[in-house]
């Protein structure tokens, strides 16, 4: 899990590719800044990597066709969200929506022997 270091000024900007926009911003249980964009990616700001924005989840890898997600909270290793089915764009409040827990992982390159 990513853990925040003592406070430091941001040394890198979060960039999104047009027409992607920022859709959610929050803090993890350990105080790390977390954001989600309209392309379905979640990033954590990692002091361990010089304040870089690290991609930790991508909707394309986890969400079925016709589904979207509504982030609610994050920890250092989990994203809590409400899964929405098309054409729903926002969660209902009554009845109380069910939270889905998704694992956050830093992508790692692997070498396959062939």
PDB file of N, CA and C in Angstrom:
ATOM      1  N   UNK A   1       0.812  -1.195   0.000  1.00  0.00           N
ATOM      2  CA  UNK A   1       0.000   0.000   0.000  1.00  0.00           C
ATOM      3  C   UNK A   1       0.858   1.263   0.000  1.00  0.00           C
ATOM      4  N   UNK A   2       0.345   2.282  -0.617  1.00  0.00           N
ATOM      5  CA  UNK A   2       1.050   3.560  -0.645  1.00  0.00           C
ATOM      6  C   UNK A   2       0.774   4.305   0.649  1.00  0.00           C
ATOM      7  N   UNK A   3       1.809   4.790   1.294  1.00  0.00           N
ATOM      8  CA  UNK A   3       1.640   5.547   2.521  1.00  0.00           C
ATOM      9  C   UNK A   3       2.230   6.936   2.335  1.00  0.00           C
ATOM     10  N   UNK A   4       1.533   7.960   2.844  1.00  0.00           N
ATOM     11  CA  UNK A   4       2.032   9.313   2.653  1.00  0.00           C
ATOM     12  C   UNK A   4       3.243   9.610   3.521  1.00  0.00           C
ATOM     13  N   UNK A   5       4.145  10.394   3.007  1.00  0.00           N
ATOM     14  CA  UNK A   5       5.293  10.895   3.759  1.00  0.00           C
ATOM     15  C   UNK A   5       4.870  12.217   4.384  1.00  0.00           C
ATOM     16  N   UNK A   6       5.742  12.833   5.163  1.00  0.00           N
ATOM     17  CA  UNK A   6       5.387  14.161   5.685  1.00  0.00           C
ATOM     18  C   UNK A   6       4.995  15.107   4.553  1.00  0.00           C
ATOM     19  N   UNK A   7       4.179  16.089   4.877  1.00  0.00           N
ATOM     20  CA  UNK A   7       3.665  17.024   3.871  1.00  0.00           C
ATOM     21  C   UNK A   7       4.792  17.617   3.034  1.00  0.00           C
ATOM     22  N   UNK A   8       4.550  17.693   1.742  1.00  0.00           N
ATOM     23  CA  UNK A   8       5.506  18.295   0.823  1.00  0.00           C
ATOM     24  C   UNK A   8       4.733  18.968  -0.288  1.00  0.00           C
ATOM     25  N   UNK A   9       5.278  20.023  -0.844  1.00  0.00           N
ATOM     26  CA  UNK A   9       4.596  20.664  -1.963  1.00  0.00           C
ATOM     27  C   UNK A   9       4.502  19.699  -3.146  1.00  0.00           C
ATOM     28  N   UNK A  10       3.452  19.820  -3.917  1.00  0.00           N
ATOM     29  CA  UNK A  10       3.307  18.965  -5.090  1.00  0.00           C
ATOM     30  C   UNK A  10       4.427  19.244  -6.074  1.00  0.00           C
ATOM     31  N   UNK A  11       5.080  18.170  -6.510  1.00  0.00           N
ATOM     32  CA  UNK A  11       6.174  18.352  -7.454  1.00  0.00           C
ATOM     33  C   UNK A  11       5.785  17.930  -8.869  1.00  0.00           C
ATOM     34  N   UNK A  12       4.576  17.420  -9.029  1.00  0.00           N
ATOM     35  CA  UNK A  12       4.143  17.053 -10.369  1.00  0.00           C
ATOM     36  C   UNK A  12       2.652  17.316 -10.515  1.00  0.00           C
ATOM     37  N   UNK A  13       2.276  17.754 -11.678  1.00  0.00           N
ATOM     38  CA  UNK A  13       0.871  18.055 -11.956  1.00  0.00           C
ATOM     39  C   UNK A  13       0.163  16.803 -12.438  1.00  0.00           C
ATOM     40  N   UNK A  14      -1.096  16.696 -12.139  1.00  0.00           N
ATOM     41  CA  UNK A  14      -1.919  15.625 -12.667  1.00  0.00           C
ATOM     42  C   UNK A  14      -2.389  16.075 -14.039  1.00  0.00           C
ATOM     43  N   UNK A  15      -2.025  15.351 -15.047  1.00  0.00           N
ATOM     44  CA  UNK A  15      -2.453  15.705 -16.395  1.00  0.00           C
ATOM     45  C   UNK A  15      -3.457  14.680 -16.896  1.00  0.00           C
ATOM     46  N   UNK A  16      -4.456  15.151 -17.578  1.00  0.00           N
ATOM     47  CA  UNK A  16      -5.448  14.280 -18.198  1.00  0.00           C
ATOM     48  C   UNK A  16      -5.482  14.605 -19.683  1.00  0.00           C
ATOM     49  N   UNK A  17      -5.756  13.598 -20.468  1.00  0.00           N
ATOM     50  CA  UNK A  17      -5.811  13.792 -21.919  1.00  0.00           C
ATOM     51  C   UNK A  17      -7.175  14.358 -22.293  1.00  0.00           C
ATOM     52  N   UNK A  18      -7.203  15.439 -23.074  1.00  0.00           N
ATOM     53  CA  UNK A  18      -8.490  15.987 -23.504  1.00  0.00           C
ATOM     54  C   UNK A  18      -9.270  14.925 -24.276  1.00  0.00           C
ATOM     55  N   UNK A  19     -10.528  14.785 -24.137  1.00  0.00           N
ATOM     56  CA  UNK A  19     -11.450  15.613 -23.364  1.00  0.00           C
ATOM     57  C   UNK A  19     -11.708  15.078 -21.949  1.00  0.00           C
ATOM     58  N   UNK A  20     -10.788  14.326 -21.360  1.00  0.00           N
ATOM     59  CA  UNK A  20     -10.964  13.770 -20.020  1.00  0.00           C
ATOM     60  C   UNK A  20     -11.017  14.887 -18.980  1.00  0.00           C
ATOM     61  N   UNK A  21     -11.907  14.718 -18.012  1.00  0.00           N
ATOM     62  CA  UNK A  21     -12.039  15.700 -16.942  1.00  0.00           C
ATOM     63  C   UNK A  21     -11.939  15.006 -15.587  1.00  0.00           C
ATOM     64  N   UNK A  22     -11.639  15.771 -14.571  1.00  0.00           N
ATOM     65  CA  UNK A  22     -11.587  15.266 -13.208  1.00  0.00           C
ATOM     66  C   UNK A  22     -13.021  15.066 -12.723  1.00  0.00           C
ATOM     67  N   UNK A  23     -13.337  13.871 -12.201  1.00  0.00           N
ATOM     68  CA  UNK A  23     -14.708  13.593 -11.772  1.00  0.00           C
ATOM     69  C   UNK A  23     -14.837  13.400 -10.268  1.00  0.00           C
ATOM     70  N   UNK A  24     -13.745  13.119  -9.585  1.00  0.00           N
ATOM     71  CA  UNK A  24     -13.798  12.889  -8.131  1.00  0.00           C
ATOM     72  C   UNK A  24     -12.452  13.204  -7.526  1.00  0.00           C
ATOM     73  N   UNK A  25     -12.473  13.766  -6.322  1.00  0.00           N
ATOM     74  CA  UNK A  25     -11.266  14.059  -5.583  1.00  0.00           C
ATOM     75  C   UNK A  25     -11.525  13.717  -4.126  1.00  0.00           C
ATOM     76  N   UNK A  26     -10.600  13.014  -3.492  1.00  0.00           N
ATOM     77  CA  UNK A  26     -10.766  12.658  -2.089  1.00  0.00           C
ATOM     78  C   UNK A  26      -9.420  12.357  -1.466  1.00  0.00           C
ATOM     79  N   UNK A  27      -9.449  11.969  -0.211  1.00  0.00           N
ATOM     80  CA  UNK A  27      -8.244  11.591   0.509  1.00  0.00           C
ATOM     81  C   UNK A  27      -8.399  10.169   1.011  1.00  0.00           C
ATOM     82  N   UNK A  28      -7.300   9.420   1.016  1.00  0.00           N
ATOM     83  CA  UNK A  28      -7.339   8.072   1.552  1.00  0.00           C
ATOM     84  C   UNK A  28      -7.343   8.143   3.075  1.00  0.00           C
ATOM     85  N   UNK A  29      -7.478   6.991   3.705  1.00  0.00           N
ATOM     86  CA  UNK A  29      -7.450   6.912   5.159  1.00  0.00           C
ATOM     87  C   UNK A  29      -6.102   7.345   5.735  1.00  0.00           C
ATOM     88  N   UNK A  30      -5.066   7.391   4.908  1.00  0.00           N
ATOM     89  CA  UNK A  30      -3.727   7.803   5.354  1.00  0.00           C
ATOM     90  C   UNK A  30      -3.366   9.208   4.878  1.00  0.00           C
ATOM     91  N   UNK A  31      -4.329   9.910   4.306  1.00  0.00           N
ATOM     92  CA  UNK A  31      -4.108  11.291   3.916  1.00  0.00           C
ATOM     93  C   UNK A  31      -3.553  11.507   2.519  1.00  0.00           C
ATOM     94  N   UNK A  32      -3.412  10.451   1.730  1.00  0.00           N
ATOM     95  CA  UNK A  32      -2.931  10.606   0.350  1.00  0.00           C
ATOM     96  C   UNK A  32      -4.066  11.131  -0.519  1.00  0.00           C
ATOM     97  N   UNK A  33      -3.757  12.022  -1.433  1.00  0.00           N
ATOM     98  CA  UNK A  33      -4.744  12.574  -2.350  1.00  0.00           C
ATOM     99  C   UNK A  33      -5.094  11.528  -3.400  1.00  0.00           C
ATOM    100  N   UNK A  34      -6.390  11.347  -3.640  1.00  0.00           N
ATOM    101  CA  UNK A  34      -6.878  10.389  -4.630  1.00  0.00           C
ATOM    102  C   UNK A  34      -7.809  11.123  -5.588  1.00  0.00           C
ATOM    103  N   UNK A  35      -7.716  10.804  -6.882  1.00  0.00           N
ATOM    104  CA  UNK A  35      -8.587  11.418  -7.877  1.00  0.00           C
ATOM    105  C   UNK A  35      -9.054  10.365  -8.875  1.00  0.00           C
ATOM    106  N   UNK A  36     -10.190  10.650  -9.502  1.00  0.00           N
ATOM    107  CA  UNK A  36     -10.705   9.816 -10.584  1.00  0.00           C
ATOM    108  C   UNK A  36     -11.001  10.730 -11.758  1.00  0.00           C
ATOM    109  N   UNK A  37     -10.848  10.197 -12.976  1.00  0.00           N
ATOM    110  CA  UNK A  37     -11.149  11.005 -14.158  1.00  0.00           C
ATOM    111  C   UNK A  37     -12.264  10.377 -14.973  1.00  0.00           C
ATOM    112  N   UNK A  38     -12.753  11.117 -15.947  1.00  0.00           N
ATOM    113  CA  UNK A  38     -13.887  10.667 -16.754  1.00  0.00           C
ATOM    114  C   UNK A  38     -13.541   9.513 -17.680  1.00  0.00           C
ATOM    115  N   UNK A  39     -12.268   9.180 -17.821  1.00  0.00           N
ATOM    116  CA  UNK A  39     -11.867   8.014 -18.612  1.00  0.00           C
ATOM    117  C   UNK A  39     -11.935   6.738 -17.775  1.00  0.00           C
ATOM    118  N   UNK A  40     -12.235   6.886 -16.481  1.00  0.00           N
ATOM    119  CA  UNK A  40     -12.365   5.714 -15.618  1.00  0.00           C
ATOM    120  C   UNK A  40     -11.090   5.311 -14.916  1.00  0.00           C
ATOM    121  N   UNK A  41     -10.154   6.225 -14.769  1.00  0.00           N
ATOM    122  CA  UNK A  41      -8.896   5.922 -14.083  1.00  0.00           C
ATOM    123  C   UNK A  41      -8.880   6.580 -12.705  1.00  0.00           C
ATOM    124  N   UNK A  42      -8.286   5.870 -11.737  1.00  0.00           N
ATOM    125  CA  UNK A  42      -8.099   6.393 -10.392  1.00  0.00           C
ATOM    126  C   UNK A  42      -6.601   6.511 -10.156  1.00  0.00           C
ATOM    127  N   UNK A  43      -6.179   7.635  -9.585  1.00  0.00           N
ATOM    128  CA  UNK A  43      -4.771   7.913  -9.313  1.00  0.00           C
ATOM    129  C   UNK A  43      -4.591   8.278  -7.848  1.00  0.00           C
ATOM    130  N   UNK A  44      -3.462   7.884  -7.269  1.00  0.00           N
ATOM    131  CA  UNK A  44      -3.060   8.336  -5.940  1.00  0.00           C
ATOM    132  C   UNK A  44      -1.782   9.127  -6.084  1.00  0.00           C
ATOM    133  N   UNK A  45      -1.663  10.201  -5.316  1.00  0.00           N
ATOM    134  CA  UNK A  45      -0.426  10.978  -5.308  1.00  0.00           C
ATOM    135  C   UNK A  45       0.510  10.314  -4.316  1.00  0.00           C
ATOM    136  N   UNK A  46       1.680   9.894  -4.787  1.00  0.00           N
ATOM    137  CA  UNK A  46       2.598   9.109  -3.976  1.00  0.00           C
ATOM    138  C   UNK A  46       3.869   9.867  -3.629  1.00  0.00           C
ATOM    139  N   UNK A  47       4.018  10.243  -2.364  1.00  0.00           N
ATOM    140  CA  UNK A  47       5.266  10.873  -1.949  1.00  0.00           C
ATOM    141  C   UNK A  47       6.465   9.942  -2.125  1.00  0.00           C
ATOM    142  N   UNK A  48       6.229   8.625  -2.056  1.00  0.00           N
ATOM    143  CA  UNK A  48       7.328   7.673  -2.228  1.00  0.00           C
ATOM    144  C   UNK A  48       7.929   7.746  -3.625  1.00  0.00           C
ATOM    145  N   UNK A  49       7.156   8.211  -4.589  1.00  0.00           N
ATOM    146  CA  UNK A  49       7.642   8.324  -5.958  1.00  0.00           C
ATOM    147  C   UNK A  49       7.769   9.786  -6.344  1.00  0.00           C
ATOM    148  N   UNK A  50       8.258  10.598  -5.421  1.00  0.00           N
ATOM    149  CA  UNK A  50       8.524  11.997  -5.707  1.00  0.00           C
ATOM    150  C   UNK A  50       7.295  12.852  -5.919  1.00  0.00           C
ATOM    151  N   UNK A  51       6.171  12.472  -5.339  1.00  0.00           N
ATOM    152  CA  UNK A  51       4.951  13.251  -5.514  1.00  0.00           C
ATOM    153  C   UNK A  51       4.241  12.964  -6.823  1.00  0.00           C
ATOM    154  N   UNK A  52       4.612  11.878  -7.484  1.00  0.00           N
ATOM    155  CA  UNK A  52       3.998  11.521  -8.771  1.00  0.00           C
ATOM    156  C   UNK A  52       2.578  11.001  -8.572  1.00  0.00           C
ATOM    157  N   UNK A  53       1.791  11.135  -9.622  1.00  0.00           N
ATOM    158  CA  UNK A  53       0.443  10.572  -9.652  1.00  0.00           C
ATOM    159  C   UNK A  53       0.549   9.157 -10.195  1.00  0.00           C
ATOM    160  N   UNK A  54       0.143   8.192  -9.396  1.00  0.00           N
ATOM    161  CA  UNK A  54       0.290   6.781  -9.751  1.00  0.00           C
ATOM    162  C   UNK A  54      -1.080   6.207 -10.100  1.00  0.00           C
ATOM    163  N   UNK A  55      -1.236   5.633 -11.300  1.00  0.00           N
ATOM    164  CA  UNK A  55      -2.517   5.002 -11.633  1.00  0.00           C
ATOM    165  C   UNK A  55      -2.670   3.713 -10.817  1.00  0.00           C
ATOM    166  N   UNK A  56      -3.804   3.574 -10.127  1.00  0.00           N
ATOM    167  CA  UNK A  56      -3.998   2.410  -9.265  1.00  0.00           C
ATOM    168  C   UNK A  56      -5.247   1.604  -9.612  1.00  0.00           C
ATOM    169  N   UNK A  57      -6.056   2.103 -10.559  1.00  0.00           N
ATOM    170  CA  UNK A  57      -7.263   1.384 -10.956  1.00  0.00           C
ATOM    171  C   UNK A  57      -7.750   1.945 -12.275  1.00  0.00           C
ATOM    172  N   UNK A  58      -8.235   1.067 -13.148  1.00  0.00           N
ATOM    173  CA  UNK A  58      -8.790   1.492 -14.436  1.00  0.00           C
ATOM    174  C   UNK A  58     -10.112   0.770 -14.667  1.00  0.00           C
ATOM    175  N   UNK A  59     -11.154   1.525 -14.913  1.00  0.00           N
ATOM    176  CA  UNK A  59     -12.476   0.947 -15.140  1.00  0.00           C
ATOM    177  C   UNK A  59     -12.464  -0.037 -16.296  1.00  0.00           C
ATOM    178  N   UNK A  60     -11.673   0.228 -17.311  1.00  0.00           N
ATOM    179  CA  UNK A  60     -11.624  -0.656 -18.479  1.00  0.00           C
ATOM    180  C   UNK A  60     -11.227  -2.085 -18.103  1.00  0.00           C
ATOM    181  N   UNK A  61     -10.490  -2.240 -17.020  1.00  0.00           N
ATOM    182  CA  UNK A  61     -10.047  -3.569 -16.579  1.00  0.00           C
ATOM    183  C   UNK A  61     -11.043  -4.244 -15.642  1.00  0.00           C
ATOM    184  N   UNK A  62     -12.042  -3.512 -15.144  1.00  0.00           N
ATOM    185  CA  UNK A  62     -12.894  -4.055 -14.088  1.00  0.00           C
ATOM    186  C   UNK A  62     -14.395  -3.894 -14.296  1.00  0.00           C
ATOM    187  N   UNK A  63     -14.813  -2.984 -15.150  1.00  0.00           N
ATOM    188  CA  UNK A  63     -16.233  -2.675 -15.287  1.00  0.00           C
ATOM    189  C   UNK A  63     -16.774  -3.301 -16.568  1.00  0.00           C
ATOM    190  N   UNK A  64     -17.935  -3.943 -16.438  1.00  0.00           N
ATOM    191  CA  UNK A  64     -18.572  -4.561 -17.613  1.00  0.00           C
ATOM    192  C   UNK A  64     -19.225  -3.493 -18.491  1.00  0.00           C
ATOM    193  N   UNK A  65     -19.484  -3.858 -19.737  1.00  0.00           N
ATOM    194  CA  UNK A  65     -20.134  -2.932 -20.676  1.00  0.00           C
ATOM    195  C   UNK A  65     -21.466  -2.469 -20.091  1.00  0.00           C
ATOM    196  N   UNK A  66     -21.746  -1.180 -20.219  1.00  0.00           N
ATOM    197  CA  UNK A  66     -22.995  -0.619 -19.722  1.00  0.00           C
ATOM    198  C   UNK A  66     -22.952  -0.234 -18.250  1.00  0.00           C
ATOM    199  N   UNK A  67     -21.813  -0.438 -17.593  1.00  0.00           N
ATOM    200  CA  UNK A  67     -21.670  -0.062 -16.192  1.00  0.00           C
ATOM    201  C   UNK A  67     -20.735   1.133 -16.056  1.00  0.00           C
ATOM    202  N   UNK A  68     -20.974   1.935 -15.049  1.00  0.00           N
ATOM    203  CA  UNK A  68     -20.053   2.990 -14.659  1.00  0.00           C
ATOM    204  C   UNK A  68     -19.912   2.911 -13.147  1.00  0.00           C
ATOM    205  N   UNK A  69     -18.987   3.660 -12.602  1.00  0.00           N
ATOM    206  CA  UNK A  69     -18.790   3.631 -11.158  1.00  0.00           C
ATOM    207  C   UNK A  69     -18.842   5.041 -10.604  1.00  0.00           C
ATOM    208  N   UNK A  70     -19.294   5.161  -9.371  1.00  0.00           N
ATOM    209  CA  UNK A  70     -19.398   6.431  -8.667  1.00  0.00           C
ATOM    210  C   UNK A  70     -18.528   6.314  -7.422  1.00  0.00           C
ATOM    211  N   UNK A  71     -17.311   6.886  -7.430  1.00  0.00           N
ATOM    212  CA  UNK A  71     -16.428   6.786  -6.257  1.00  0.00           C
ATOM    213  C   UNK A  71     -17.044   7.462  -5.031  1.00  0.00           C
ATOM    214  N   UNK A  72     -16.837   6.836  -3.886  1.00  0.00           N
ATOM    215  CA  UNK A  72     -17.346   7.371  -2.630  1.00  0.00           C
ATOM    216  C   UNK A  72     -16.201   7.605  -1.643  1.00  0.00           C
ATOM    217  N   UNK A  73     -15.265   6.655  -1.572  1.00  0.00           N
ATOM    218  CA  UNK A  73     -14.156   6.759  -0.626  1.00  0.00           C
ATOM    219  C   UNK A  73     -13.017   5.876  -1.102  1.00  0.00           C
ATOM    220  N   UNK A  74     -11.828   6.130  -0.538  1.00  0.00           N
ATOM    221  CA  UNK A  74     -10.658   5.319  -0.859  1.00  0.00           C
ATOM    222  C   UNK A  74      -9.814   5.131   0.388  1.00  0.00           C
ATOM    223  N   UNK A  75      -9.154   3.990   0.450  1.00  0.00           N
ATOM    224  CA  UNK A  75      -8.127   3.757   1.450  1.00  0.00           C
ATOM    225  C   UNK A  75      -6.825   3.630   0.671  1.00  0.00           C
ATOM    226  N   UNK A  76      -5.755   3.261   1.340  1.00  0.00           N
ATOM    227  CA  UNK A  76      -4.490   3.128   0.620  1.00  0.00           C
ATOM    228  C   UNK A  76      -4.499   1.947  -0.338  1.00  0.00           C
ATOM    229  N   UNK A  77      -5.436   1.006  -0.174  1.00  0.00           N
ATOM    230  CA  UNK A  77      -5.458  -0.153  -1.071  1.00  0.00           C
ATOM    231  C   UNK A  77      -6.845  -0.555  -1.575  1.00  0.00           C
ATOM    232  N   UNK A  78      -7.877   0.255  -1.291  1.00  0.00           N
ATOM    233  CA  UNK A  78      -9.227  -0.065  -1.759  1.00  0.00           C
ATOM    234  C   UNK A  78      -9.969   1.192  -2.232  1.00  0.00           C
ATOM    235  N   UNK A  79     -10.833   0.998  -3.215  1.00  0.00           N
ATOM    236  CA  UNK A  79     -11.738   2.045  -3.685  1.00  0.00           C
ATOM    237  C   UNK A  79     -13.149   1.582  -3.351  1.00  0.00           C
ATOM    238  N   UNK A  80     -13.917   2.431  -2.720  1.00  0.00           N
ATOM    239  CA  UNK A  80     -15.310   2.134  -2.425  1.00  0.00           C
ATOM    240  C   UNK A  80     -16.154   2.968  -3.371  1.00  0.00           C
ATOM    241  N   UNK A  81     -17.026   2.287  -4.112  1.00  0.00           N
ATOM    242  CA  UNK A  81     -17.830   2.999  -5.101  1.00  0.00           C
ATOM    243  C   UNK A  81     -19.206   2.368  -5.224  1.00  0.00           C
ATOM    244  N   UNK A  82     -20.066   3.066  -5.924  1.00  0.00           N
ATOM    245  CA  UNK A  82     -21.396   2.572  -6.245  1.00  0.00           C
ATOM    246  C   UNK A  82     -21.383   2.268  -7.736  1.00  0.00           C
ATOM    247  N   UNK A  83     -21.701   1.041  -8.078  1.00  0.00           N
ATOM    248  CA  UNK A  83     -21.742   0.649  -9.487  1.00  0.00           C
ATOM    249  C   UNK A  83     -23.104   1.060 -10.055  1.00  0.00           C
ATOM    250  N   UNK A  84     -23.077   1.680 -11.231  1.00  0.00           N
ATOM    251  CA  UNK A  84     -24.287   2.159 -11.891  1.00  0.00           C
ATOM    252  C   UNK A  84     -24.475   1.430 -13.206  1.00  0.00           C
ATOM    253  N   UNK A  85     -25.714   1.101 -13.530  1.00  0.00           N
ATOM    254  CA  UNK A  85     -26.028   0.480 -14.813  1.00  0.00           C
ATOM    255  C   UNK A  85     -26.657   1.525 -15.722  1.00  0.00           C
ATOM    256  N   UNK A  86     -26.333   1.454 -17.033  1.00  0.00           N
ATOM    257  CA  UNK A  86     -26.888   2.399 -18.009  1.00  0.00           C
ATOM    258  C   UNK A  86     -28.407   2.287 -17.980  1.00  0.00           C
ATOM    259  N   UNK A  87     -29.126   3.360 -18.120  1.00  0.00           N
ATOM    260  CA  UNK A  87     -28.721   4.729 -18.407  1.00  0.00           C
ATOM    261  C   UNK A  87     -28.494   5.567 -17.143  1.00  0.00           C
ATOM    262  N   UNK A  88     -28.434   4.931 -15.971  1.00  0.00           N
ATOM    263  CA  UNK A  88     -28.255   5.651 -14.707  1.00  0.00           C
ATOM    264  C   UNK A  88     -26.927   6.398 -14.693  1.00  0.00           C
ATOM    265  N   UNK A  89     -26.963   7.710 -14.380  1.00  0.00           N
ATOM    266  CA  UNK A  89     -25.747   8.511 -14.343  1.00  0.00           C
ATOM    267  C   UNK A  89     -25.350   8.916 -12.933  1.00  0.00           C
ATOM    268  N   UNK A  90     -26.306   8.842 -11.996  1.00  0.00           N
ATOM    269  CA  UNK A  90     -26.061   9.204 -10.610  1.00  0.00           C
ATOM    270  C   UNK A  90     -26.708   8.153  -9.722  1.00  0.00           C
ATOM    271  N   UNK A  91     -26.143   7.901  -8.548  1.00  0.00           N
ATOM    272  CA  UNK A  91     -26.753   6.905  -7.660  1.00  0.00           C
ATOM    273  C   UNK A  91     -28.049   7.425  -7.040  1.00  0.00           C
ATOM    274  N   UNK A  92     -28.935   6.500  -6.733  1.00  0.00           N
ATOM    275  CA  UNK A  92     -30.151   6.844  -6.001  1.00  0.00           C
ATOM    276  C   UNK A  92     -29.785   6.929  -4.523  1.00  0.00           C
ATOM    277  N   UNK A  93     -30.577   7.647  -3.754  1.00  0.00           N
ATOM    278  CA  UNK A  93     -30.291   7.749  -2.325  1.00  0.00           C
ATOM    279  C   UNK A  93     -31.265   6.922  -1.487  1.00  0.00           C
ATOM    280  N   UNK A  94     -32.424   6.582  -2.076  1.00  0.00           N
ATOM    281  CA  UNK A  94     -33.391   5.721  -1.410  1.00  0.00           C
ATOM    282  C   UNK A  94     -33.820   4.666  -2.406  1.00  0.00           C
ATOM    283  N   UNK A  95     -33.640   3.401  -2.122  1.00  0.00           N
ATOM    284  CA  UNK A  95     -32.980   2.878  -0.930  1.00  0.00           C
ATOM    285  C   UNK A  95     -31.474   3.159  -0.974  1.00  0.00           C
ATOM    286  N   UNK A  96     -30.853   3.059   0.208  1.00  0.00           N
ATOM    287  CA  UNK A  96     -29.424   3.336   0.305  1.00  0.00           C
ATOM    288  C   UNK A  96     -28.659   2.424  -0.654  1.00  0.00           C
ATOM    289  N   UNK A  97     -27.783   2.998  -1.486  1.00  0.00           N
ATOM    290  CA  UNK A  97     -27.053   2.183  -2.459  1.00  0.00           C
ATOM    291  C   UNK A  97     -26.019   1.277  -1.790  1.00  0.00           C
ATOM    292  N   UNK A  98     -25.717   0.200  -2.463  1.00  0.00           N
ATOM    293  CA  UNK A  98     -24.739  -0.774  -2.002  1.00  0.00           C
ATOM    294  C   UNK A  98     -23.342  -0.323  -2.433  1.00  0.00           C
ATOM    295  N   UNK A  99     -22.388  -0.327  -1.507  1.00  0.00           N
ATOM    296  CA  UNK A  99     -21.006   0.031  -1.835  1.00  0.00           C
ATOM    297  C   UNK A  99     -20.244  -1.201  -2.309  1.00  0.00           C
ATOM    298  N   UNK A 100     -19.521  -1.027  -3.394  1.00  0.00           N
ATOM    299  CA  UNK A 100     -18.662  -2.072  -3.920  1.00  0.00           C
ATOM    300  C   UNK A 100     -17.224  -1.752  -3.529  1.00  0.00           C
ATOM    301  N   UNK A 101     -16.509  -2.752  -3.055  1.00  0.00           N
ATOM    302  CA  UNK A 101     -15.115  -2.590  -2.645  1.00  0.00           C
ATOM    303  C   UNK A 101     -14.215  -3.145  -3.745  1.00  0.00           C
ATOM    304  N   UNK A 102     -13.336  -2.299  -4.270  1.00  0.00           N
ATOM    305  CA  UNK A 102     -12.440  -2.696  -5.349  1.00  0.00           C
ATOM    306  C   UNK A 102     -10.994  -2.524  -4.904  1.00  0.00           C
ATOM    307  N   UNK A 103     -10.141  -3.472  -5.271  1.00  0.00           N
ATOM    308  CA  UNK A 103      -8.730  -3.410  -4.888  1.00  0.00           C
ATOM    309  C   UNK A 103      -7.984  -2.406  -5.754  1.00  0.00           C
ATOM    310  N   UNK A 104      -7.153  -1.578  -5.119  1.00  0.00           N
ATOM    311  CA  UNK A 104      -6.269  -0.654  -5.829  1.00  0.00           C
ATOM    312  C   UNK A 104      -4.894  -1.292  -5.901  1.00  0.00           C
ATOM    313  N   UNK A 105      -4.284  -1.243  -7.076  1.00  0.00           N
ATOM    314  CA  UNK A 105      -2.959  -1.820  -7.266  1.00  0.00           C
ATOM    315  C   UNK A 105      -2.137  -0.952  -8.202  1.00  0.00           C
ATOM    316  N   UNK A 106      -0.875  -0.813  -7.855  1.00  0.00           N
ATOM    317  CA  UNK A 106       0.052  -0.125  -8.739  1.00  0.00           C
ATOM    318  C   UNK A 106       0.392  -1.107  -9.859  1.00  0.00           C
ATOM    319  N   UNK A 107       0.234  -0.705 -11.131  1.00  0.00           N
ATOM    320  CA  UNK A 107       0.571  -1.626 -12.221  1.00  0.00           C
ATOM    321  C   UNK A 107       2.069  -1.897 -12.252  1.00  0.00           C
ATOM    322  N   UNK A 108       2.414  -3.148 -12.437  1.00  0.00           N
ATOM    323  CA  UNK A 108       3.814  -3.551 -12.505  1.00  0.00           C
ATOM    324  C   UNK A 108       4.056  -4.284 -13.823  1.00  0.00           C
ATOM    325  N   UNK A 109       5.162  -3.990 -14.428  1.00  0.00           N
ATOM    326  CA  UNK A 109       5.547  -4.692 -15.657  1.00  0.00           C
ATOM    327  C   UNK A 109       6.079  -6.067 -15.274  1.00  0.00           C
ATOM    328  N   UNK A 110       5.746  -7.054 -16.082  1.00  0.00           N
ATOM    329  CA  UNK A 110       6.255  -8.402 -15.850  1.00  0.00           C
ATOM    330  C   UNK A 110       6.934  -8.892 -17.112  1.00  0.00           C
ATOM    331  N   UNK A 111       7.831  -9.792 -16.939  1.00  0.00           N
ATOM    332  CA  UNK A 111       8.522 -10.396 -18.075  1.00  0.00           C
ATOM    333  C   UNK A 111       8.100 -11.846 -18.185  1.00  0.00           C
ATOM    334  N   UNK A 112       7.526 -12.210 -19.324  1.00  0.00           N
ATOM    335  CA  UNK A 112       7.108 -13.585 -19.554  1.00  0.00           C
ATOM    336  C   UNK A 112       8.167 -14.291 -20.383  1.00  0.00           C
ATOM    337  N   UNK A 113       8.487 -15.483 -19.963  1.00  0.00           N
ATOM    338  CA  UNK A 113       9.443 -16.284 -20.721  1.00  0.00           C
ATOM    339  C   UNK A 113       8.704 -16.951 -21.869  1.00  0.00           C
ATOM    340  N   UNK A 114       9.266 -16.921 -23.059  1.00  0.00           N
ATOM    341  CA  UNK A 114       8.536 -17.458 -24.195  1.00  0.00           C
ATOM    342  C   UNK A 114       9.246 -18.445 -24.967  1.00  0.00           C
TER     343      UNK A 114
END
